[in-house]
Amino acid sequence: MEKGLVIALVGMGGTLFTLWILTIIMDILKKIFPYREEEESGGNRKERS
């Protein structure tokens, strides 16, 4: 009984810790690559030359 409870608590804690790490990674990526609205310029993409 105690072993199963410990395994369950460690599993839940590990899951929450992993989600927290992913949240931090996503926040860092949002700061590096901020979201920008694309301007309507007739085409889907601007051609680069």
Protein backbone atom coordinates (compact mmCIF):
# COMPACT_ATOMS: atom_id res chain seq x y z
CA MET A 1 0.00 0.00 0.00
CA GLU A 2 2.69 2.50 0.99
CA LYS A 3 4.85 1.65 -1.99
CA GLY A 4 1.99 2.29 -4.41
CA LEU A 5 1.20 5.62 -2.76
CA VAL A 6 4.83 6.71 -3.03
CA ILE A 7 4.96 5.69 -6.70
CA ALA A 8 1.72 7.62 -7.38
CA LEU A 9 3.00 10.77 -5.63
CA VAL A 10 6.36 10.62 -7.41
CA GLY A 11 4.58 10.12 -10.73
CA MET A 12 2.26 13.08 -10.20
CA GLY A 13 5.13 15.25 -8.97
CA GLY A 14 7.26 14.29 -11.94
CA THR A 15 4.43 15.11 -14.32
CA LEU A 16 3.86 18.54 -12.78
CA PHE A 17 7.61 19.23 -12.76
CA THR A 18 7.86 18.30 -16.45
CA LEU A 19 4.92 20.55 -17.33
CA TRP A 20 6.54 23.40 -15.36
CA ILE A 21 9.81 22.95 -17.29
CA LEU A 22 7.92 22.95 -20.60
CA THR A 23 6.13 26.16 -19.56
CA ILE A 24 9.46 27.85 -18.86
CA ILE A 25 10.83 26.69 -22.23
CA MET A 26 7.72 28.04 -24.01
CA ASP A 27 8.04 31.41 -22.24
CA ILE A 28 11.68 31.68 -23.30
CA LEU A 29 10.80 30.82 -26.90
CA LYS A 30 8.01 33.44 -26.90
CA LYS A 31 10.54 36.07 -25.80
CA ILE A 32 13.02 35.00 -28.47
CA PHE A 33 10.41 34.69 -31.23
CA PRO A 34 7.51 37.07 -30.41
CA TYR A 35 4.23 36.62 -32.24
CA ARG A 36 3.60 39.22 -34.93
CA GLU A 37 0.44 39.74 -36.93
CA GLU A 38 1.08 39.37 -40.64
CA GLU A 39 0.17 42.39 -42.73
CA GLU A 40 -2.27 42.03 -45.60
CA SER A 41 -0.14 42.73 -48.69
CA GLY A 42 -2.10 41.05 -51.47
CA GLY A 43 -0.22 37.77 -51.29
CA ASN A 44 0.32 35.18 -48.64
CA ARG A 45 4.07 35.84 -48.39
CA LYS A 46 6.39 38.64 -49.29
CA GLU A 47 8.99 37.70 -51.87
CA ARG A 48 12.57 38.22 -50.80
CA SER A 49 15.22 39.05 -53.38
